């Protein structure tokens, strides 16, 4: 897949324009996002991802489009799991509802920039060392195991990481908000507001989640352009999805189990890919032979869609049968 500089520039400019529009909308008209508004924007971002996949199919072929869709679906579903933590952060820092979309927007923008660095490092490592697939695969299987044993009480805890602690210690911060302002004046002193701390919390927390999402998407495609754009579309739609799902998050009781199955499947796929790449020499008349099977992208996409559909349906049926409290 040959991506020229023009397409990269056009993609980055498009992302900047979208984020700029969202930023101006959030700053000039801070408001509590309604269910209707969140629904329309979610449909827009999902539709944009589908259209972009069609563009990939037209320009580079259906196989690459399938890789994009599989990567985007995986990143989107993993991002839903992130929303549990985002809800806790918003509650912990008592963020006013009219300011939440600005916090999410800037936090997500920071996360995308940091993820781009991870993607570049991952792509360079994969291009140079084939054994990285073993490492990624083993890590995903390990993560899937722990996610399957996920304790609901643990998801309700949020511990401030070192970056947040460092920001608190270095920058003088007020205890109260001042609209959407990052800095305010108290008793003649110019201080930062909690808005800055919350955005750092959102951005750095999402970066921690990228430790499993980035290896996962590299298990579906090794094309840096597709990895980046799948992450971008997943993160862009995350802000409105936060407001759309709302109370529904508590009803997705089997989400962790479903994500564990997806990550475990991708981990196995990565290891098989590594075994397929590392051929066995001196067989078949002296020619190297790849003995491990490859999992086609169509199978990967079908498995991901099926697992997520079963997870959503069984979760909703369970909560309906046992009550909203699960």
C-alpha atoms as a PDB file:
ATOM      1  CA  UNK A   1       0.000   0.000   0.000  1.00  0.00           C
ATOM      2  CA  UNK A   2       1.795   3.089  -1.276  1.00  0.00           C
ATOM      3  CA  UNK A   3       0.686   6.303   0.459  1.00  0.00           C
ATOM      4  CA  UNK A   4       2.154   9.485  -0.964  1.00  0.00           C
ATOM      5  CA  UNK A   5       2.802  12.631   1.021  1.00  0.00           C
ATOM      6  CA  UNK A   6      -0.181  14.412  -0.543  1.00  0.00           C
ATOM      7  CA  UNK A   7      -2.668  11.947   0.946  1.00  0.00           C
ATOM      8  CA  UNK A   8      -1.012  12.145   4.366  1.00  0.00           C
ATOM      9  CA  UNK A   9      -1.160  15.951   4.277  1.00  0.00           C
ATOM     10  CA  UNK A  10      -4.800  15.945   3.115  1.00  0.00           C
ATOM     11  CA  UNK A  11      -5.717  13.526   5.898  1.00  0.00           C
ATOM     12  CA  UNK A  12      -3.983  15.568   8.601  1.00  0.00           C
ATOM     13  CA  UNK A  13      -5.506  18.816   7.307  1.00  0.00           C
ATOM     14  CA  UNK A  14      -8.948  17.206   7.339  1.00  0.00           C
ATOM     15  CA  UNK A  15      -8.481  16.078  10.948  1.00  0.00           C
ATOM     16  CA  UNK A  16      -7.299  19.517  12.014  1.00  0.00           C
ATOM     17  CA  UNK A  17     -10.327  21.149  10.353  1.00  0.00           C
ATOM     18  CA  UNK A  18     -12.743  18.762  12.085  1.00  0.00           C
ATOM     19  CA  UNK A  19     -11.158  19.321  15.485  1.00  0.00           C
ATOM     20  CA  UNK A  20     -11.053  23.086  14.894  1.00  0.00           C
ATOM     21  CA  UNK A  21     -14.750  23.158  14.022  1.00  0.00           C
ATOM     22  CA  UNK A  22     -15.611  21.078  17.099  1.00  0.00           C
ATOM     23  CA  UNK A  23     -13.415  23.270  19.278  1.00  0.00           C
ATOM     24  CA  UNK A  24     -15.009  26.514  18.094  1.00  0.00           C
ATOM     25  CA  UNK A  25     -18.467  25.006  18.561  1.00  0.00           C
ATOM     26  CA  UNK A  26     -17.642  23.904  22.114  1.00  0.00           C
ATOM     27  CA  UNK A  27     -16.014  27.224  23.085  1.00  0.00           C
ATOM     28  CA  UNK A  28     -18.500  29.624  21.520  1.00  0.00           C
ATOM     29  CA  UNK A  29     -21.592  27.715  22.570  1.00  0.00           C
ATOM     30  CA  UNK A  30     -20.870  25.688  25.712  1.00  0.00           C
ATOM     31  CA  UNK A  31     -23.949  23.612  26.522  1.00  0.00           C
ATOM     32  CA  UNK A  32     -25.130  20.290  27.839  1.00  0.00           C
ATOM     33  CA  UNK A  33     -25.279  17.914  24.868  1.00  0.00           C
ATOM     34  CA  UNK A  34     -28.771  16.527  24.250  1.00  0.00           C
ATOM     35  CA  UNK A  35     -29.483  12.928  23.246  1.00  0.00           C
ATOM     36  CA  UNK A  36     -30.646  14.078  19.807  1.00  0.00           C
ATOM     37  CA  UNK A  37     -27.477  16.085  19.165  1.00  0.00           C
ATOM     38  CA  UNK A  38     -25.256  13.234  20.345  1.00  0.00           C
ATOM     39  CA  UNK A  39     -27.163  10.772  18.136  1.00  0.00           C
ATOM     40  CA  UNK A  40     -26.810  12.932  15.015  1.00  0.00           C
ATOM     41  CA  UNK A  41     -23.093  13.509  15.556  1.00  0.00           C
ATOM     42  CA  UNK A  42     -22.501   9.815  16.262  1.00  0.00           C
ATOM     43  CA  UNK A  43     -24.281   8.899  13.028  1.00  0.00           C
ATOM     44  CA  UNK A  44     -22.154  11.485  11.216  1.00  0.00           C
ATOM     45  CA  UNK A  45     -18.839  10.094  12.517  1.00  0.00           C
ATOM     46  CA  UNK A  46     -19.837   6.472  11.925  1.00  0.00           C
ATOM     47  CA  UNK A  47     -20.988   7.404   8.420  1.00  0.00           C
ATOM     48  CA  UNK A  48     -17.722   9.268   7.795  1.00  0.00           C
ATOM     49  CA  UNK A  49     -15.737   6.154   8.768  1.00  0.00           C
ATOM     50  CA  UNK A  50     -17.849   3.991   6.439  1.00  0.00           C
ATOM     51  CA  UNK A  51     -17.375   6.444   3.567  1.00  0.00           C
ATOM     52  CA  UNK A  52     -13.629   6.600   4.223  1.00  0.00           C
ATOM     53  CA  UNK A  53     -13.493   2.795   4.063  1.00  0.00           C
ATOM     54  CA  UNK A  54     -15.216   3.030   0.694  1.00  0.00           C
ATOM     55  CA  UNK A  55     -12.543   5.482  -0.450  1.00  0.00           C
ATOM     56  CA  UNK A  56      -9.839   3.019   0.648  1.00  0.00           C
ATOM     57  CA  UNK A  57     -11.598   0.240  -1.286  1.00  0.00           C
ATOM     58  CA  UNK A  58     -11.802   2.364  -4.425  1.00  0.00           C
ATOM     59  CA  UNK A  59      -8.189   3.508  -4.280  1.00  0.00           C
ATOM     60  CA  UNK A  60      -6.360   0.508  -2.835  1.00  0.00           C
ATOM     61  CA  UNK A  61      -8.689  -2.488  -2.984  1.00  0.00           C
ATOM     62  CA  UNK A  62     -11.208  -4.290  -0.803  1.00  0.00           C
ATOM     63  CA  UNK A  63      -8.595  -6.093   1.278  1.00  0.00           C
ATOM     64  CA  UNK A  64      -7.208  -2.828   2.649  1.00  0.00           C
ATOM     65  CA  UNK A  65     -10.731  -1.524   3.212  1.00  0.00           C
ATOM     66  CA  UNK A  66     -11.460  -4.657   5.234  1.00  0.00           C
ATOM     67  CA  UNK A  67      -8.333  -4.035   7.294  1.00  0.00           C
ATOM     68  CA  UNK A  68      -9.476  -0.478   7.987  1.00  0.00           C
ATOM     69  CA  UNK A  69     -12.984  -1.543   9.002  1.00  0.00           C
ATOM     70  CA  UNK A  70     -11.658  -4.290  11.273  1.00  0.00           C
ATOM     71  CA  UNK A  71      -9.184  -1.898  12.888  1.00  0.00           C
ATOM     72  CA  UNK A  72     -11.753   0.866  13.285  1.00  0.00           C
ATOM     73  CA  UNK A  73     -14.341  -1.461  14.839  1.00  0.00           C
ATOM     74  CA  UNK A  74     -11.764  -2.836  17.265  1.00  0.00           C
ATOM     75  CA  UNK A  75     -10.550   0.627  18.291  1.00  0.00           C
ATOM     76  CA  UNK A  76     -14.129   1.898  18.586  1.00  0.00           C
ATOM     77  CA  UNK A  77     -15.177  -1.001  20.798  1.00  0.00           C
ATOM     78  CA  UNK A  78     -12.091  -0.625  22.987  1.00  0.00           C
ATOM     79  CA  UNK A  79     -12.861   3.095  23.226  1.00  0.00           C
ATOM     80  CA  UNK A  80     -16.291   2.275  24.652  1.00  0.00           C
ATOM     81  CA  UNK A  81     -14.495   0.569  27.521  1.00  0.00           C
ATOM     82  CA  UNK A  82     -12.553   3.817  28.016  1.00  0.00           C
ATOM     83  CA  UNK A  83     -15.819   5.655  28.534  1.00  0.00           C
ATOM     84  CA  UNK A  84     -16.302   3.963  31.901  1.00  0.00           C
ATOM     85  CA  UNK A  85     -13.138   5.671  33.122  1.00  0.00           C
ATOM     86  CA  UNK A  86     -14.103   8.977  31.482  1.00  0.00           C
ATOM     87  CA  UNK A  87     -17.405   8.946  33.389  1.00  0.00           C
ATOM     88  CA  UNK A  88     -15.513   8.372  36.637  1.00  0.00           C
ATOM     89  CA  UNK A  89     -13.042  11.186  35.867  1.00  0.00           C
ATOM     90  CA  UNK A  90     -15.849  13.636  35.083  1.00  0.00           C
ATOM     91  CA  UNK A  91     -17.554  12.721  38.330  1.00  0.00           C
ATOM     92  CA  UNK A  92     -14.362  12.759  40.376  1.00  0.00           C
ATOM     93  CA  UNK A  93     -13.442  16.279  39.232  1.00  0.00           C
ATOM     94  CA  UNK A  94     -17.085  17.491  39.268  1.00  0.00           C
ATOM     95  CA  UNK A  95     -16.892  18.818  35.697  1.00  0.00           C
ATOM     96  CA  UNK A  96     -19.947  20.985  34.841  1.00  0.00           C
ATOM     97  CA  UNK A  97     -22.045  19.273  32.167  1.00  0.00           C
ATOM     98  CA  UNK A  98     -21.805  22.250  29.788  1.00  0.00           C
ATOM     99  CA  UNK A  99     -17.998  22.017  29.913  1.00  0.00           C
ATOM    100  CA  UNK A 100     -17.689  18.254  29.449  1.00  0.00           C
ATOM    101  CA  UNK A 101     -17.585  18.251  25.650  1.00  0.00           C
ATOM    102  CA  UNK A 102     -14.669  20.731  25.592  1.00  0.00           C
ATOM    103  CA  UNK A 103     -12.777  18.606  28.130  1.00  0.00           C
ATOM    104  CA  UNK A 104     -13.338  15.470  26.059  1.00  0.00           C
ATOM    105  CA  UNK A 105     -12.455  17.208  22.789  1.00  0.00           C
ATOM    106  CA  UNK A 106      -9.066  18.511  23.930  1.00  0.00           C
ATOM    107  CA  UNK A 107      -8.294  15.365  25.933  1.00  0.00           C
ATOM    108  CA  UNK A 108      -9.003  13.222  22.870  1.00  0.00           C
ATOM    109  CA  UNK A 109      -6.903  15.512  20.638  1.00  0.00           C
ATOM    110  CA  UNK A 110      -3.981  15.105  23.038  1.00  0.00           C
ATOM    111  CA  UNK A 111      -4.516  11.347  23.052  1.00  0.00           C
ATOM    112  CA  UNK A 112      -4.481  11.196  19.243  1.00  0.00           C
ATOM    113  CA  UNK A 113      -1.170  13.095  19.091  1.00  0.00           C
ATOM    114  CA  UNK A 114       0.377  10.753  21.661  1.00  0.00           C
ATOM    115  CA  UNK A 115      -1.029   7.681  19.912  1.00  0.00           C
ATOM    116  CA  UNK A 116       0.559   8.856  16.656  1.00  0.00           C
ATOM    117  CA  UNK A 117       3.938   8.531  18.385  1.00  0.00           C
ATOM    118  CA  UNK A 118       3.076   4.994  19.523  1.00  0.00           C
ATOM    119  CA  UNK A 119       1.981   4.080  16.004  1.00  0.00           C
ATOM    120  CA  UNK A 120       5.242   5.361  14.501  1.00  0.00           C
ATOM    121  CA  UNK A 121       7.300   3.375  17.012  1.00  0.00           C
ATOM    122  CA  UNK A 122       5.200   0.249  16.476  1.00  0.00           C
ATOM    123  CA  UNK A 123       5.448   0.463  12.689  1.00  0.00           C
ATOM    124  CA  UNK A 124       9.228   0.926  12.861  1.00  0.00           C
ATOM    125  CA  UNK A 125       9.612  -2.026  15.232  1.00  0.00           C
ATOM    126  CA  UNK A 126       7.458  -4.326  13.083  1.00  0.00           C
ATOM    127  CA  UNK A 127       9.331  -3.350   9.903  1.00  0.00           C
ATOM    128  CA  UNK A 128      12.669  -4.171  11.527  1.00  0.00           C
ATOM    129  CA  UNK A 129      11.968  -7.079  13.888  1.00  0.00           C
ATOM    130  CA  UNK A 130       9.526  -9.855  12.977  1.00  0.00           C
ATOM    131  CA  UNK A 131       9.634 -11.203  16.541  1.00  0.00           C
ATOM    132  CA  UNK A 132       7.688  -8.129  17.682  1.00  0.00           C
ATOM    133  CA  UNK A 133       4.570 -10.016  16.568  1.00  0.00           C
ATOM    134  CA  UNK A 134       5.262 -12.619  19.261  1.00  0.00           C
ATOM    135  CA  UNK A 135       5.613  -9.863  21.847  1.00  0.00           C
ATOM    136  CA  UNK A 136       2.422  -8.091  20.774  1.00  0.00           C
ATOM    137  CA  UNK A 137       0.511 -11.349  20.554  1.00  0.00           C
ATOM    138  CA  UNK A 138       1.583 -12.545  23.997  1.00  0.00           C
ATOM    139  CA  UNK A 139       0.739  -9.134  25.498  1.00  0.00           C
ATOM    140  CA  UNK A 140      -2.756  -9.160  23.983  1.00  0.00           C
ATOM    141  CA  UNK A 141      -3.454 -12.685  25.235  1.00  0.00           C
ATOM    142  CA  UNK A 142      -2.226 -11.647  28.695  1.00  0.00           C
ATOM    143  CA  UNK A 143      -4.446  -8.546  28.575  1.00  0.00           C
ATOM    144  CA  UNK A 144      -7.422 -10.626  27.400  1.00  0.00           C
ATOM    145  CA  UNK A 145      -6.950 -13.033  30.332  1.00  0.00           C
ATOM    146  CA  UNK A 146      -6.957 -10.221  32.882  1.00  0.00           C
ATOM    147  CA  UNK A 147      -9.844  -8.447  31.147  1.00  0.00           C
ATOM    148  CA  UNK A 148     -11.890 -11.669  31.313  1.00  0.00           C
ATOM    149  CA  UNK A 149     -11.274 -11.745  35.063  1.00  0.00           C
ATOM    150  CA  UNK A 150     -12.173  -8.072  35.278  1.00  0.00           C
ATOM    151  CA  UNK A 151     -13.695  -7.161  38.651  1.00  0.00           C
ATOM    152  CA  UNK A 152     -16.508  -4.633  38.365  1.00  0.00           C
ATOM    153  CA  UNK A 153     -15.379  -2.877  41.536  1.00  0.00           C
ATOM    154  CA  UNK A 154     -11.967  -2.187  40.064  1.00  0.00           C
ATOM    155  CA  UNK A 155     -13.519  -0.290  37.130  1.00  0.00           C
ATOM    156  CA  UNK A 156     -15.036   2.176  39.587  1.00  0.00           C
ATOM    157  CA  UNK A 157     -11.681   3.250  40.908  1.00  0.00           C
ATOM    158  CA  UNK A 158      -9.559   5.993  39.422  1.00  0.00           C
ATOM    159  CA  UNK A 159      -6.088   6.693  40.673  1.00  0.00           C
ATOM    160  CA  UNK A 160      -4.312   9.839  39.592  1.00  0.00           C
ATOM    161  CA  UNK A 161      -1.206   8.956  37.591  1.00  0.00           C
ATOM    162  CA  UNK A 162       2.190  10.583  38.004  1.00  0.00           C
ATOM    163  CA  UNK A 163       1.630  13.070  35.191  1.00  0.00           C
ATOM    164  CA  UNK A 164      -1.482  14.446  36.899  1.00  0.00           C
ATOM    165  CA  UNK A 165       0.364  14.611  40.225  1.00  0.00           C
ATOM    166  CA  UNK A 166       3.273  16.432  38.589  1.00  0.00           C
ATOM    167  CA  UNK A 167       0.930  18.975  36.937  1.00  0.00           C
ATOM    168  CA  UNK A 168      -0.778  19.598  40.278  1.00  0.00           C
ATOM    169  CA  UNK A 169       2.557  20.161  42.020  1.00  0.00           C
ATOM    170  CA  UNK A 170       4.001  22.478  39.353  1.00  0.00           C
ATOM    171  CA  UNK A 171       0.976  24.558  38.374  1.00  0.00           C
ATOM    172  CA  UNK A 172      -1.030  26.482  40.984  1.00  0.00           C
ATOM    173  CA  UNK A 173      -4.649  25.391  40.577  1.00  0.00           C
ATOM    174  CA  UNK A 174      -7.958  26.615  41.951  1.00  0.00           C
ATOM    175  CA  UNK A 175     -10.559  24.331  43.512  1.00  0.00           C
ATOM    176  CA  UNK A 176     -13.442  25.721  41.460  1.00  0.00           C
ATOM    177  CA  UNK A 177     -14.201  26.163  37.751  1.00  0.00           C
ATOM    178  CA  UNK A 178     -14.577  29.457  35.909  1.00  0.00           C
ATOM    179  CA  UNK A 179     -16.684  28.491  32.904  1.00  0.00           C
ATOM    180  CA  UNK A 180     -14.456  26.990  30.196  1.00  0.00           C
ATOM    181  CA  UNK A 181     -11.437  29.042  31.191  1.00  0.00           C
ATOM    182  CA  UNK A 182      -8.084  27.383  31.776  1.00  0.00           C
ATOM    183  CA  UNK A 183      -6.793  30.278  33.876  1.00  0.00           C
ATOM    184  CA  UNK A 184      -8.529  32.693  36.213  1.00  0.00           C
ATOM    185  CA  UNK A 185      -7.656  35.411  38.710  1.00  0.00           C
ATOM    186  CA  UNK A 186      -8.198  34.799  42.426  1.00  0.00           C
ATOM    187  CA  UNK A 187      -7.179  37.468  44.968  1.00  0.00           C
ATOM    188  CA  UNK A 188      -4.988  39.101  42.353  1.00  0.00           C
ATOM    189  CA  UNK A 189      -3.188  35.847  41.486  1.00  0.00           C
ATOM    190  CA  UNK A 190      -3.441  34.200  38.068  1.00  0.00           C
ATOM    191  CA  UNK A 191      -4.153  30.511  38.631  1.00  0.00           C
ATOM    192  CA  UNK A 192      -5.065  27.517  36.503  1.00  0.00           C
ATOM    193  CA  UNK A 193      -8.528  25.999  36.840  1.00  0.00           C
ATOM    194  CA  UNK A 194      -9.341  22.281  37.250  1.00  0.00           C
ATOM    195  CA  UNK A 195     -10.175  22.206  33.516  1.00  0.00           C
ATOM    196  CA  UNK A 196      -6.488  21.733  32.768  1.00  0.00           C
ATOM    197  CA  UNK A 197      -6.134  18.855  35.250  1.00  0.00           C
ATOM    198  CA  UNK A 198      -9.190  17.067  33.867  1.00  0.00           C
ATOM    199  CA  UNK A 199      -7.937  17.273  30.264  1.00  0.00           C
ATOM    200  CA  UNK A 200      -4.547  15.910  31.327  1.00  0.00           C
ATOM    201  CA  UNK A 201      -6.378  13.094  33.124  1.00  0.00           C
ATOM    202  CA  UNK A 202      -8.455  12.251  30.024  1.00  0.00           C
ATOM    203  CA  UNK A 203      -5.472  12.385  27.651  1.00  0.00           C
ATOM    204  CA  UNK A 204      -3.016  10.388  29.772  1.00  0.00           C
ATOM    205  CA  UNK A 205      -5.634   7.812  30.772  1.00  0.00           C
ATOM    206  CA  UNK A 206      -6.466   7.202  27.112  1.00  0.00           C
ATOM    207  CA  UNK A 207      -2.763   6.797  26.415  1.00  0.00           C
ATOM    208  CA  UNK A 208      -2.634   3.970  28.962  1.00  0.00           C
ATOM    209  CA  UNK A 209      -5.487   2.254  27.120  1.00  0.00           C
ATOM    210  CA  UNK A 210      -3.476   2.604  23.912  1.00  0.00           C
ATOM    211  CA  UNK A 211      -1.006   0.074  25.332  1.00  0.00           C
ATOM    212  CA  UNK A 212      -3.403  -2.683  24.307  1.00  0.00           C
ATOM    213  CA  UNK A 213      -5.332  -0.996  21.481  1.00  0.00           C
ATOM    214  CA  UNK A 214      -2.261  -0.173  19.369  1.00  0.00           C
ATOM    215  CA  UNK A 215      -0.872  -3.765  19.381  1.00  0.00           C
ATOM    216  CA  UNK A 216      -4.423  -4.979  18.686  1.00  0.00           C
ATOM    217  CA  UNK A 217      -4.825  -2.954  15.511  1.00  0.00           C
ATOM    218  CA  UNK A 218      -1.343  -3.942  14.311  1.00  0.00           C
ATOM    219  CA  UNK A 219      -2.673  -7.489  14.494  1.00  0.00           C
ATOM    220  CA  UNK A 220      -5.256  -6.545  11.875  1.00  0.00           C
ATOM    221  CA  UNK A 221      -3.164  -4.333   9.591  1.00  0.00           C
ATOM    222  CA  UNK A 222       0.503  -3.369   9.412  1.00  0.00           C
ATOM    223  CA  UNK A 223      -0.193  -0.307   7.282  1.00  0.00           C
ATOM    224  CA  UNK A 224       0.677   2.792   9.370  1.00  0.00           C
ATOM    225  CA  UNK A 225      -1.809   4.925   7.415  1.00  0.00           C
ATOM    226  CA  UNK A 226      -4.687   2.556   8.172  1.00  0.00           C
ATOM    227  CA  UNK A 227      -3.630   2.215  11.815  1.00  0.00           C
ATOM    228  CA  UNK A 228      -3.574   5.989  12.239  1.00  0.00           C
ATOM    229  CA  UNK A 229      -6.837   6.726  10.421  1.00  0.00           C
ATOM    230  CA  UNK A 230      -8.688   3.912  12.232  1.00  0.00           C
ATOM    231  CA  UNK A 231      -7.557   5.395  15.553  1.00  0.00           C
ATOM    232  CA  UNK A 232      -8.489   8.902  14.408  1.00  0.00           C
ATOM    233  CA  UNK A 233     -12.036   7.934  13.372  1.00  0.00           C
ATOM    234  CA  UNK A 234     -12.546   5.937  16.581  1.00  0.00           C
ATOM    235  CA  UNK A 235     -11.374   8.817  18.788  1.00  0.00           C
ATOM    236  CA  UNK A 236     -13.272  11.499  16.860  1.00  0.00           C
ATOM    237  CA  UNK A 237     -16.546   9.683  17.445  1.00  0.00           C
ATOM    238  CA  UNK A 238     -15.753   8.954  21.080  1.00  0.00           C
ATOM    239  CA  UNK A 239     -16.822  12.367  22.423  1.00  0.00           C
ATOM    240  CA  UNK A 240     -20.380  12.174  21.132  1.00  0.00           C
ATOM    241  CA  UNK A 241     -20.591   8.485  21.996  1.00  0.00           C
ATOM    242  CA  UNK A 242     -19.882   9.478  25.600  1.00  0.00           C
ATOM    243  CA  UNK A 243     -23.051  11.576  25.708  1.00  0.00           C
ATOM    244  CA  UNK A 244     -25.104   9.129  23.624  1.00  0.00           C
ATOM    245  CA  UNK A 245     -24.479   6.038  25.711  1.00  0.00           C
ATOM    246  CA  UNK A 246     -24.757   7.759  29.088  1.00  0.00           C
ATOM    247  CA  UNK A 247     -26.592   5.368  31.380  1.00  0.00           C
ATOM    248  CA  UNK A 248     -26.356   2.551  28.820  1.00  0.00           C
ATOM    249  CA  UNK A 249     -22.748   1.957  29.874  1.00  0.00           C
ATOM    250  CA  UNK A 250     -23.940   0.269  33.057  1.00  0.00           C
ATOM    251  CA  UNK A 251     -26.025  -2.126  30.967  1.00  0.00           C
ATOM    252  CA  UNK A 252     -23.070  -3.420  28.915  1.00  0.00           C
ATOM    253  CA  UNK A 253     -22.263  -5.926  31.648  1.00  0.00           C
ATOM    254  CA  UNK A 254     -20.483  -8.362  29.332  1.00  0.00           C
ATOM    255  CA  UNK A 255     -18.401  -5.738  27.502  1.00  0.00           C
ATOM    256  CA  UNK A 256     -15.155  -6.706  29.212  1.00  0.00           C
ATOM    257  CA  UNK A 257     -15.711 -10.369  28.342  1.00  0.00           C
ATOM    258  CA  UNK A 258     -16.444  -9.511  24.706  1.00  0.00           C
ATOM    259  CA  UNK A 259     -13.353  -7.315  24.427  1.00  0.00           C
ATOM    260  CA  UNK A 260     -11.307 -10.085  26.044  1.00  0.00           C
ATOM    261  CA  UNK A 261     -12.427 -12.480  23.292  1.00  0.00           C
ATOM    262  CA  UNK A 262     -11.553  -9.924  20.590  1.00  0.00           C
ATOM    263  CA  UNK A 263      -8.102  -9.199  22.063  1.00  0.00           C
ATOM    264  CA  UNK A 264      -7.404 -12.907  22.592  1.00  0.00           C
ATOM    265  CA  UNK A 265      -8.370 -13.656  18.974  1.00  0.00           C
ATOM    266  CA  UNK A 266      -6.117 -10.883  17.651  1.00  0.00           C
ATOM    267  CA  UNK A 267      -3.284 -12.065  19.924  1.00  0.00           C
ATOM    268  CA  UNK A 268      -3.505 -15.568  18.459  1.00  0.00           C
ATOM    269  CA  UNK A 269      -3.690 -14.065  14.956  1.00  0.00           C
ATOM    270  CA  UNK A 270      -0.484 -12.097  15.598  1.00  0.00           C
ATOM    271  CA  UNK A 271       1.394 -15.174  16.798  1.00  0.00           C
ATOM    272  CA  UNK A 272       0.202 -17.190  13.792  1.00  0.00           C
ATOM    273  CA  UNK A 273       1.321 -14.341  11.539  1.00  0.00           C
ATOM    274  CA  UNK A 274       4.766 -14.420  13.146  1.00  0.00           C
ATOM    275  CA  UNK A 275       4.979 -18.191  12.720  1.00  0.00           C
ATOM    276  CA  UNK A 276       3.903 -17.815   9.103  1.00  0.00           C
ATOM    277  CA  UNK A 277       6.603 -15.200   8.491  1.00  0.00           C
ATOM    278  CA  UNK A 278       9.358 -17.247  10.170  1.00  0.00           C
ATOM    279  CA  UNK A 279       9.656 -20.030   7.616  1.00  0.00           C
ATOM    280  CA  UNK A 280      11.105 -23.506   8.145  1.00  0.00           C
ATOM    281  CA  UNK A 281      14.229 -24.003   5.988  1.00  0.00           C
ATOM    282  CA  UNK A 282      15.547 -27.171   4.318  1.00  0.00           C
ATOM    283  CA  UNK A 283      12.182 -28.784   3.604  1.00  0.00           C
ATOM    284  CA  UNK A 284      10.253 -29.206   0.386  1.00  0.00           C
ATOM    285  CA  UNK A 285      13.360 -29.632  -1.694  1.00  0.00           C
ATOM    286  CA  UNK A 286      15.404 -27.111   0.235  1.00  0.00           C
ATOM    287  CA  UNK A 287      12.955 -24.209  -0.147  1.00  0.00           C
ATOM    288  CA  UNK A 288      11.738 -22.434   3.019  1.00  0.00           C
ATOM    289  CA  UNK A 289       8.124 -23.287   3.883  1.00  0.00           C
ATOM    290  CA  UNK A 290       5.591 -21.240   5.848  1.00  0.00           C
ATOM    291  CA  UNK A 291       3.679 -23.840   7.842  1.00  0.00           C
ATOM    292  CA  UNK A 292       1.432 -21.692  10.051  1.00  0.00           C
ATOM    293  CA  UNK A 293      -1.994 -20.694   8.650  1.00  0.00           C
ATOM    294  CA  UNK A 294      -2.949 -17.082   7.978  1.00  0.00           C
ATOM    295  CA  UNK A 295      -6.285 -15.679   9.110  1.00  0.00           C
ATOM    296  CA  UNK A 296      -7.831 -13.627   6.270  1.00  0.00           C
ATOM    297  CA  UNK A 297      -9.035 -10.109   7.011  1.00  0.00           C
ATOM    298  CA  UNK A 298     -12.598 -11.133   6.114  1.00  0.00           C
ATOM    299  CA  UNK A 299     -12.540 -13.762   8.877  1.00  0.00           C
ATOM    300  CA  UNK A 300     -11.098 -11.236  11.343  1.00  0.00           C
ATOM    301  CA  UNK A 301     -13.810  -8.707  10.487  1.00  0.00           C
ATOM    302  CA  UNK A 302     -16.550 -11.338  10.788  1.00  0.00           C
ATOM    303  CA  UNK A 303     -15.279 -12.532  14.182  1.00  0.00           C
ATOM    304  CA  UNK A 304     -15.045  -8.976  15.564  1.00  0.00           C
ATOM    305  CA  UNK A 305     -18.547  -8.026  14.363  1.00  0.00           C
ATOM    306  CA  UNK A 306     -20.050 -11.286  15.661  1.00  0.00           C
ATOM    307  CA  UNK A 307     -18.414 -11.010  19.091  1.00  0.00           C
ATOM    308  CA  UNK A 308     -19.450  -7.371  19.544  1.00  0.00           C
ATOM    309  CA  UNK A 309     -23.018  -8.105  18.410  1.00  0.00           C
ATOM    310  CA  UNK A 310     -23.358 -11.076  20.776  1.00  0.00           C
ATOM    311  CA  UNK A 311     -21.834  -9.004  23.610  1.00  0.00           C
ATOM    312  CA  UNK A 312     -24.309  -6.148  23.126  1.00  0.00           C
ATOM    313  CA  UNK A 313     -27.380  -8.375  22.751  1.00  0.00           C
ATOM    314  CA  UNK A 314     -26.591 -10.647  25.706  1.00  0.00           C
ATOM    315  CA  UNK A 315     -25.729  -7.643  27.892  1.00  0.00           C
ATOM    316  CA  UNK A 316     -29.037  -5.906  27.175  1.00  0.00           C
ATOM    317  CA  UNK A 317     -31.017  -9.128  27.625  1.00  0.00           C
ATOM    318  CA  UNK A 318     -29.266  -9.776  30.939  1.00  0.00           C
ATOM    319  CA  UNK A 319     -29.967  -6.307  32.318  1.00  0.00           C
ATOM    320  CA  UNK A 320     -33.585  -6.479  31.154  1.00  0.00           C
ATOM    321  CA  UNK A 321     -34.059  -9.811  32.886  1.00  0.00           C
ATOM    322  CA  UNK A 322     -32.270  -8.897  36.093  1.00  0.00           C
ATOM    323  CA  UNK A 323     -33.023  -5.173  36.199  1.00  0.00           C
ATOM    324  CA  UNK A 324     -30.938  -2.131  35.232  1.00  0.00           C
ATOM    325  CA  UNK A 325     -28.614  -2.756  38.123  1.00  0.00           C
ATOM    326  CA  UNK A 326     -27.306  -5.950  36.447  1.00  0.00           C
END
